[in-house]
Amino acid sequence: GNPENDEILGALVADSCKIYYDVEVGFMF
């Protein structure tokens, strides 16, 4: 539910998440 961010480099998430809606925790770089 967030707007697009031009500054973001990437994100680290658990690889057990097969779809984006599974992601509970993500670190944004």
PDB file of all heavy atoms in Angstrom:
ATOM      1  N   GLY A   1       0.789  -1.226   0.000  1.00  0.00           N
ATOM      2  CA  GLY A   1       0.000   0.000   0.000  1.00  0.00           C
ATOM      3  C   GLY A   1       0.816   1.268   0.000  1.00  0.00           C
ATOM      4  O   GLY A   1       0.324   2.331   0.387  1.00  0.00           O
ATOM      5  N   ASN A   2       2.069   1.188  -0.445  1.00  0.00           N
ATOM      6  CA  ASN A   2       2.948   2.351  -0.463  1.00  0.00           C
ATOM      7  C   ASN A   2       3.179   2.833  -1.893  1.00  0.00           C
ATOM      8  O   ASN A   2       3.143   2.039  -2.838  1.00  0.00           O
ATOM      9  CB  ASN A   2       4.309   2.002   0.154  1.00  0.00           C
ATOM     10  CG  ASN A   2       4.192   1.671   1.624  1.00  0.00           C
ATOM     11  OD1 ASN A   2       4.124   2.547   2.472  1.00  0.00           O
ATOM     12  ND2 ASN A   2       4.146   0.386   1.925  1.00  0.00           N
ATOM     13  N   PRO A   3       3.459   4.121  -2.069  1.00  0.00           N
ATOM     14  CA  PRO A   3       3.761   4.629  -3.413  1.00  0.00           C
ATOM     15  C   PRO A   3       5.135   4.173  -3.881  1.00  0.00           C
ATOM     16  O   PRO A   3       5.979   3.764  -3.078  1.00  0.00           O
ATOM     17  CB  PRO A   3       3.723   6.155  -3.226  1.00  0.00           C
ATOM     18  CG  PRO A   3       4.073   6.364  -1.786  1.00  0.00           C
ATOM     19  CD  PRO A   3       3.451   5.199  -1.055  1.00  0.00           C
ATOM     20  N   GLU A   4       5.384   4.259  -5.180  1.00  0.00           N
ATOM     21  CA  GLU A   4       6.675   3.899  -5.738  1.00  0.00           C
ATOM     22  C   GLU A   4       7.759   4.819  -5.187  1.00  0.00           C
ATOM     23  O   GLU A   4       7.523   5.996  -4.945  1.00  0.00           O
ATOM     24  CB  GLU A   4       6.625   3.998  -7.259  1.00  0.00           C
ATOM     25  CG  GLU A   4       7.899   3.557  -7.949  1.00  0.00           C
ATOM     26  CD  GLU A   4       7.747   3.507  -9.454  1.00  0.00           C
ATOM     27  OE1 GLU A   4       6.644   3.179  -9.929  1.00  0.00           O
ATOM     28  OE2 GLU A   4       8.729   3.811 -10.163  1.00  0.00           O
ATOM     29  N   ASN A   5       8.946   4.281  -4.970  1.00  0.00           N
ATOM     30  CA  ASN A   5      10.046   5.040  -4.381  1.00  0.00           C
ATOM     31  C   ASN A   5      11.259   4.976  -5.305  1.00  0.00           C
ATOM     32  O   ASN A   5      11.863   3.916  -5.483  1.00  0.00           O
ATOM     33  CB  ASN A   5      10.395   4.464  -3.001  1.00  0.00           C
ATOM     34  CG  ASN A   5      11.305   5.365  -2.204  1.00  0.00           C
ATOM     35  OD1 ASN A   5      12.295   5.860  -2.725  1.00  0.00           O
ATOM     36  ND2 ASN A   5      10.979   5.575  -0.943  1.00  0.00           N
ATOM     37  N   ASP A   6      11.609   6.119  -5.886  1.00  0.00           N
ATOM     38  CA  ASP A   6      12.732   6.158  -6.827  1.00  0.00           C
ATOM     39  C   ASP A   6      14.071   5.923  -6.146  1.00  0.00           C
ATOM     40  O   ASP A   6      15.055   5.569  -6.808  1.00  0.00           O
ATOM     41  CB  ASP A   6      12.772   7.508  -7.553  1.00  0.00           C
ATOM     42  CG  ASP A   6      11.601   7.684  -8.503  1.00  0.00           C
ATOM     43  OD1 ASP A   6      11.051   6.659  -8.943  1.00  0.00           O
ATOM     44  OD2 ASP A   6      11.223   8.839  -8.768  1.00  0.00           O
ATOM     45  N   GLU A   7      14.128   6.130  -4.829  1.00  0.00           N
ATOM     46  CA  GLU A   7      15.396   6.032  -4.109  1.00  0.00           C
ATOM     47  C   GLU A   7      15.757   4.602  -3.720  1.00  0.00           C
ATOM     48  O   GLU A   7      16.907   4.325  -3.378  1.00  0.00           O
ATOM     49  CB  GLU A   7      15.342   6.894  -2.830  1.00  0.00           C
ATOM     50  CG  GLU A   7      14.971   8.347  -3.054  1.00  0.00           C
ATOM     51  CD  GLU A   7      16.057   9.106  -3.779  1.00  0.00           C
ATOM     52  OE1 GLU A   7      17.209   8.650  -3.753  1.00  0.00           O
ATOM     53  OE2 GLU A   7      15.752  10.157  -4.376  1.00  0.00           O
ATOM     54  N   ILE A   8      14.798   3.704  -3.756  1.00  0.00           N
ATOM     55  CA  ILE A   8      15.057   2.353  -3.251  1.00  0.00           C
ATOM     56  C   ILE A   8      16.016   1.601  -4.178  1.00  0.00           C
ATOM     57  O   ILE A   8      15.944   1.714  -5.407  1.00  0.00           O
ATOM     58  CB  ILE A   8      13.737   1.576  -3.074  1.00  0.00           C
ATOM     59  CG1 ILE A   8      13.954   0.345  -2.194  1.00  0.00           C
ATOM     60  CG2 ILE A   8      13.129   1.196  -4.417  1.00  0.00           C
ATOM     61  CD1 ILE A   8      12.669  -0.293  -1.729  1.00  0.00           C
ATOM     62  N   LEU A   9      16.935   0.857  -3.576  1.00  0.00           N
ATOM     63  CA  LEU A   9      17.888   0.039  -4.328  1.00  0.00           C
ATOM     64  C   LEU A   9      17.378  -1.377  -4.502  1.00  0.00           C
ATOM     65  O   LEU A   9      17.556  -2.000  -5.548  1.00  0.00           O
ATOM     66  CB  LEU A   9      19.233   0.013  -3.610  1.00  0.00           C
ATOM     67  CG  LEU A   9      19.928   1.345  -3.336  1.00  0.00           C
ATOM     68  CD1 LEU A   9      21.227   1.123  -2.572  1.00  0.00           C
ATOM     69  CD2 LEU A   9      20.192   2.087  -4.633  1.00  0.00           C
ATOM     70  N   GLY A  10      16.766  -1.907  -3.445  1.00  0.00           N
ATOM     71  CA  GLY A  10      16.287  -3.274  -3.461  1.00  0.00           C
ATOM     72  C   GLY A  10      15.747  -3.650  -2.100  1.00  0.00           C
ATOM     73  O   GLY A  10      15.619  -2.801  -1.209  1.00  0.00           O
ATOM     74  N   ALA A  11      15.425  -4.925  -1.931  1.00  0.00           N
ATOM     75  CA  ALA A  11      14.877  -5.403  -0.667  1.00  0.00           C
ATOM     76  C   ALA A  11      15.322  -6.841  -0.427  1.00  0.00           C
ATOM     77  O   ALA A  11      15.523  -7.607  -1.372  1.00  0.00           O
ATOM     78  CB  ALA A  11      13.358  -5.319  -0.672  1.00  0.00           C
ATOM     79  N   LEU A  12      15.472  -7.189   0.835  1.00  0.00           N
ATOM     80  CA  LEU A  12      15.842  -8.548   1.221  1.00  0.00           C
ATOM     81  C   LEU A  12      14.649  -9.198   1.907  1.00  0.00           C
ATOM     82  O   LEU A  12      14.102  -8.651   2.873  1.00  0.00           O
ATOM     83  CB  LEU A  12      17.045  -8.534   2.162  1.00  0.00           C
ATOM     84  CG  LEU A  12      17.716  -9.890   2.402  1.00  0.00           C
ATOM     85  CD1 LEU A  12      18.445 -10.342   1.145  1.00  0.00           C
ATOM     86  CD2 LEU A  12      18.706  -9.809   3.562  1.00  0.00           C
ATOM     87  N   VAL A  13      14.226 -10.367   1.403  1.00  0.00           N
ATOM     88  CA  VAL A  13      13.084 -11.078   1.965  1.00  0.00           C
ATOM     89  C   VAL A  13      13.424 -12.561   2.063  1.00  0.00           C
ATOM     90  O   VAL A  13      14.374 -13.040   1.440  1.00  0.00           O
ATOM     91  CB  VAL A  13      11.819 -10.899   1.094  1.00  0.00           C
ATOM     92  CG1 VAL A  13      11.460  -9.419   0.966  1.00  0.00           C
ATOM     93  CG2 VAL A  13      11.996 -11.524  -0.287  1.00  0.00           C
ATOM     94  N   ALA A  14      12.634 -13.291   2.824  1.00  0.00           N
ATOM     95  CA  ALA A  14      12.840 -14.736   2.957  1.00  0.00           C
ATOM     96  C   ALA A  14      12.520 -15.427   1.636  1.00  0.00           C
ATOM     97  O   ALA A  14      11.524 -15.112   0.984  1.00  0.00           O
ATOM     98  CB  ALA A  14      11.953 -15.292   4.064  1.00  0.00           C
ATOM     99  N   ASP A  15      13.364 -16.369   1.222  1.00  0.00           N
ATOM    100  CA  ASP A  15      13.108 -17.049  -0.047  1.00  0.00           C
ATOM    101  C   ASP A  15      12.017 -18.108   0.064  1.00  0.00           C
ATOM    102  O   ASP A  15      11.627 -18.721  -0.931  1.00  0.00           O
ATOM    103  CB  ASP A  15      14.388 -17.650  -0.628  1.00  0.00           C
ATOM    104  CG  ASP A  15      14.978 -18.754   0.248  1.00  0.00           C
ATOM    105  OD1 ASP A  15      14.324 -19.157   1.238  1.00  0.00           O
ATOM    106  OD2 ASP A  15      16.088 -19.208  -0.055  1.00  0.00           O
ATOM    107  N   SER A  16      11.497 -18.307   1.268  1.00  0.00           N
ATOM    108  CA  SER A  16      10.348 -19.203   1.440  1.00  0.00           C
ATOM    109  C   SER A  16       9.066 -18.532   0.955  1.00  0.00           C
ATOM    110  O   SER A  16       8.046 -19.196   0.773  1.00  0.00           O
ATOM    111  CB  SER A  16      10.208 -19.602   2.907  1.00  0.00           C
ATOM    112  OG  SER A  16      10.055 -18.449   3.732  1.00  0.00           O
ATOM    113  N   CYS A  17       9.131 -17.205   0.765  1.00  0.00           N
ATOM    114  CA  CYS A  17       7.984 -16.465   0.247  1.00  0.00           C
ATOM    115  C   CYS A  17       7.918 -16.650  -1.266  1.00  0.00           C
ATOM    116  O   CYS A  17       8.815 -16.206  -1.978  1.00  0.00           O
ATOM    117  CB  CYS A  17       8.104 -14.975   0.591  1.00  0.00           C
ATOM    118  SG  CYS A  17       8.216 -14.634   2.353  1.00  0.00           S
ATOM    119  N   LYS A  18       6.886 -17.292  -1.734  1.00  0.00           N
ATOM    120  CA  LYS A  18       6.757 -17.576  -3.165  1.00  0.00           C
ATOM    121  C   LYS A  18       6.048 -16.443  -3.910  1.00  0.00           C
ATOM    122  O   LYS A  18       6.236 -16.280  -5.114  1.00  0.00           O
ATOM    123  CB  LYS A  18       6.004 -18.885  -3.375  1.00  0.00           C
ATOM    124  CG  LYS A  18       6.650 -20.078  -2.680  1.00  0.00           C
ATOM    125  CD  LYS A  18       8.109 -20.255  -3.105  1.00  0.00           C
ATOM    126  CE  LYS A  18       8.741 -21.448  -2.418  1.00  0.00           C
ATOM    127  NZ  LYS A  18      10.192 -21.578  -2.736  1.00  0.00           N
ATOM    128  N   ILE A  19       5.208 -15.704  -3.191  1.00  0.00           N
ATOM    129  CA  ILE A  19       4.503 -14.575  -3.788  1.00  0.00           C
ATOM    130  C   ILE A  19       4.651 -13.378  -2.855  1.00  0.00           C
ATOM    131  O   ILE A  19       4.936 -13.523  -1.670  1.00  0.00           O
ATOM    132  CB  ILE A  19       3.003 -14.885  -4.022  1.00  0.00           C
ATOM    133  CG1 ILE A  19       2.348 -15.322  -2.713  1.00  0.00           C
ATOM    134  CG2 ILE A  19       2.828 -15.932  -5.101  1.00  0.00           C
ATOM    135  CD1 ILE A  19       0.861 -15.548  -2.810  1.00  0.00           C
ATOM    136  N   TYR A  20       4.432 -12.184  -3.381  1.00  0.00           N
ATOM    137  CA  TYR A  20       4.658 -10.967  -2.613  1.00  0.00           C
ATOM    138  C   TYR A  20       3.740 -10.872  -1.400  1.00  0.00           C
ATOM    139  O   TYR A  20       4.100 -10.277  -0.380  1.00  0.00           O
ATOM    140  CB  TYR A  20       4.478  -9.744  -3.510  1.00  0.00           C
ATOM    141  CG  TYR A  20       5.601  -9.580  -4.503  1.00  0.00           C
ATOM    142  CD1 TYR A  20       5.568 -10.224  -5.744  1.00  0.00           C
ATOM    143  CD2 TYR A  20       6.715  -8.810  -4.202  1.00  0.00           C
ATOM    144  CE1 TYR A  20       6.603 -10.101  -6.652  1.00  0.00           C
ATOM    145  CE2 TYR A  20       7.762  -8.678  -5.102  1.00  0.00           C
ATOM    146  CZ  TYR A  20       7.695  -9.321  -6.327  1.00  0.00           C
ATOM    147  OH  TYR A  20       8.726  -9.197  -7.213  1.00  0.00           O
ATOM    148  N   TYR A  21       2.555 -11.444  -1.501  1.00  0.00           N
ATOM    149  CA  TYR A  21       1.608 -11.363  -0.401  1.00  0.00           C
ATOM    150  C   TYR A  21       2.001 -12.260   0.770  1.00  0.00           C
ATOM    151  O   TYR A  21       1.395 -12.186   1.828  1.00  0.00           O
ATOM    152  CB  TYR A  21       0.200 -11.705  -0.907  1.00  0.00           C
ATOM    153  CG  TYR A  21      -0.244 -10.750  -1.983  1.00  0.00           C
ATOM    154  CD1 TYR A  21      -0.070 -11.069  -3.327  1.00  0.00           C
ATOM    155  CD2 TYR A  21      -0.774  -9.506  -1.664  1.00  0.00           C
ATOM    156  CE1 TYR A  21      -0.431 -10.184  -4.321  1.00  0.00           C
ATOM    157  CE2 TYR A  21      -1.129  -8.608  -2.657  1.00  0.00           C
ATOM    158  CZ  TYR A  21      -0.964  -8.952  -3.978  1.00  0.00           C
ATOM    159  OH  TYR A  21      -1.302  -8.065  -4.966  1.00  0.00           O
ATOM    160  N   ASP A  22       2.993 -13.106   0.567  1.00  0.00           N
ATOM    161  CA  ASP A  22       3.504 -13.933   1.655  1.00  0.00           C
ATOM    162  C   ASP A  22       4.537 -13.200   2.508  1.00  0.00           C
ATOM    163  O   ASP A  22       4.883 -13.657   3.598  1.00  0.00           O
ATOM    164  CB  ASP A  22       4.173 -15.205   1.101  1.00  0.00           C
ATOM    165  CG  ASP A  22       3.162 -16.184   0.529  1.00  0.00           C
ATOM    166  OD1 ASP A  22       1.974 -16.068   0.888  1.00  0.00           O
ATOM    167  OD2 ASP A  22       3.555 -17.037  -0.274  1.00  0.00           O
ATOM    168  N   VAL A  23       5.070 -12.092   2.010  1.00  0.00           N
ATOM    169  CA  VAL A  23       6.177 -11.409   2.688  1.00  0.00           C
ATOM    170  C   VAL A  23       5.679 -10.705   3.946  1.00  0.00           C
ATOM    171  O   VAL A  23       4.851  -9.789   3.872  1.00  0.00           O
ATOM    172  CB  VAL A  23       6.865 -10.397   1.758  1.00  0.00           C
ATOM    173  CG1 VAL A  23       7.986  -9.673   2.508  1.00  0.00           C
ATOM    174  CG2 VAL A  23       7.418 -11.100   0.522  1.00  0.00           C
ATOM    175  N   GLU A  24       6.181 -11.123   5.082  1.00  0.00           N
ATOM    176  CA  GLU A  24       5.840 -10.486   6.355  1.00  0.00           C
ATOM    177  C   GLU A  24       6.884  -9.449   6.751  1.00  0.00           C
ATOM    178  O   GLU A  24       6.557  -8.419   7.333  1.00  0.00           O
ATOM    179  CB  GLU A  24       5.712 -11.549   7.457  1.00  0.00           C
ATOM    180  CG  GLU A  24       4.525 -12.477   7.290  1.00  0.00           C
ATOM    181  CD  GLU A  24       3.194 -11.766   7.464  1.00  0.00           C
ATOM    182  OE1 GLU A  24       3.163 -10.745   8.173  1.00  0.00           O
ATOM    183  OE2 GLU A  24       2.198 -12.228   6.874  1.00  0.00           O
ATOM    184  N   VAL A  25       8.145  -9.751   6.465  1.00  0.00           N
ATOM    185  CA  VAL A  25       9.246  -8.859   6.843  1.00  0.00           C
ATOM    186  C   VAL A  25      10.157  -8.648   5.643  1.00  0.00           C
ATOM    187  O   VAL A  25      10.548  -9.607   4.976  1.00  0.00           O
ATOM    188  CB  VAL A  25      10.071  -9.444   8.015  1.00  0.00           C
ATOM    189  CG1 VAL A  25      11.246  -8.531   8.342  1.00  0.00           C
ATOM    190  CG2 VAL A  25       9.192  -9.633   9.243  1.00  0.00           C
ATOM    191  N   GLY A  26      10.477  -7.417   5.354  1.00  0.00           N
ATOM    192  CA  GLY A  26      11.412  -7.107   4.282  1.00  0.00           C
ATOM    193  C   GLY A  26      12.273  -5.926   4.653  1.00  0.00           C
ATOM    194  O   GLY A  26      11.774  -4.938   5.197  1.00  0.00           O
ATOM    195  N   PHE A  27      13.564  -6.020   4.426  1.00  0.00           N
ATOM    196  CA  PHE A  27      14.475  -4.903   4.653  1.00  0.00           C
ATOM    197  C   PHE A  27      14.678  -4.164   3.336  1.00  0.00           C
ATOM    198  O   PHE A  27      15.055  -4.760   2.332  1.00  0.00           O
ATOM    199  CB  PHE A  27      15.822  -5.397   5.187  1.00  0.00           C
ATOM    200  CG  PHE A  27      15.885  -5.489   6.687  1.00  0.00           C
ATOM    201  CD1 PHE A  27      15.571  -6.660   7.341  1.00  0.00           C
ATOM    202  CD2 PHE A  27      16.262  -4.383   7.441  1.00  0.00           C
ATOM    203  CE1 PHE A  27      15.638  -6.750   8.721  1.00  0.00           C
ATOM    204  CE2 PHE A  27      16.323  -4.454   8.819  1.00  0.00           C
ATOM    205  CZ  PHE A  27      16.007  -5.640   9.467  1.00  0.00           C
ATOM    206  N   MET A  28      14.419  -2.856   3.345  1.00  0.00           N
ATOM    207  CA  MET A  28      14.539  -2.010   2.164  1.00  0.00           C
ATOM    208  C   MET A  28      15.888  -1.288   2.165  1.00  0.00           C
ATOM    209  O   MET A  28      16.266  -0.679   3.171  1.00  0.00           O
ATOM    210  CB  MET A  28      13.409  -0.977   2.125  1.00  0.00           C
ATOM    211  CG  MET A  28      12.023  -1.572   2.290  1.00  0.00           C
ATOM    212  SD  MET A  28      11.584  -2.664   0.917  1.00  0.00           S
ATOM    213  CE  MET A  28      10.081  -3.414   1.555  1.00  0.00           C
ATOM    214  N   PHE A  29      16.591  -1.329   1.033  1.00  0.00           N
ATOM    215  CA  PHE A  29      17.927  -0.739   0.928  1.00  0.00           C
ATOM    216  C   PHE A  29      17.891   0.599   0.193  1.00  0.00           C
ATOM    217  O   PHE A  29      17.285   0.711  -0.874  1.00  0.00           O
ATOM    218  CB  PHE A  29      18.870  -1.694   0.185  1.00  0.00           C
ATOM    219  CG  PHE A  29      19.286  -2.896   0.979  1.00  0.00           C
ATOM    220  CD1 PHE A  29      18.387  -3.918   1.246  1.00  0.00           C
ATOM    221  CD2 PHE A  29      20.583  -3.007   1.459  1.00  0.00           C
ATOM    222  CE1 PHE A  29      18.771  -5.029   1.984  1.00  0.00           C
ATOM    223  CE2 PHE A  29      20.975  -4.109   2.198  1.00  0.00           C
ATOM    224  CZ  PHE A  29      20.063  -5.124   2.461  1.00  0.00           C
TER     225      PHE A  29
END
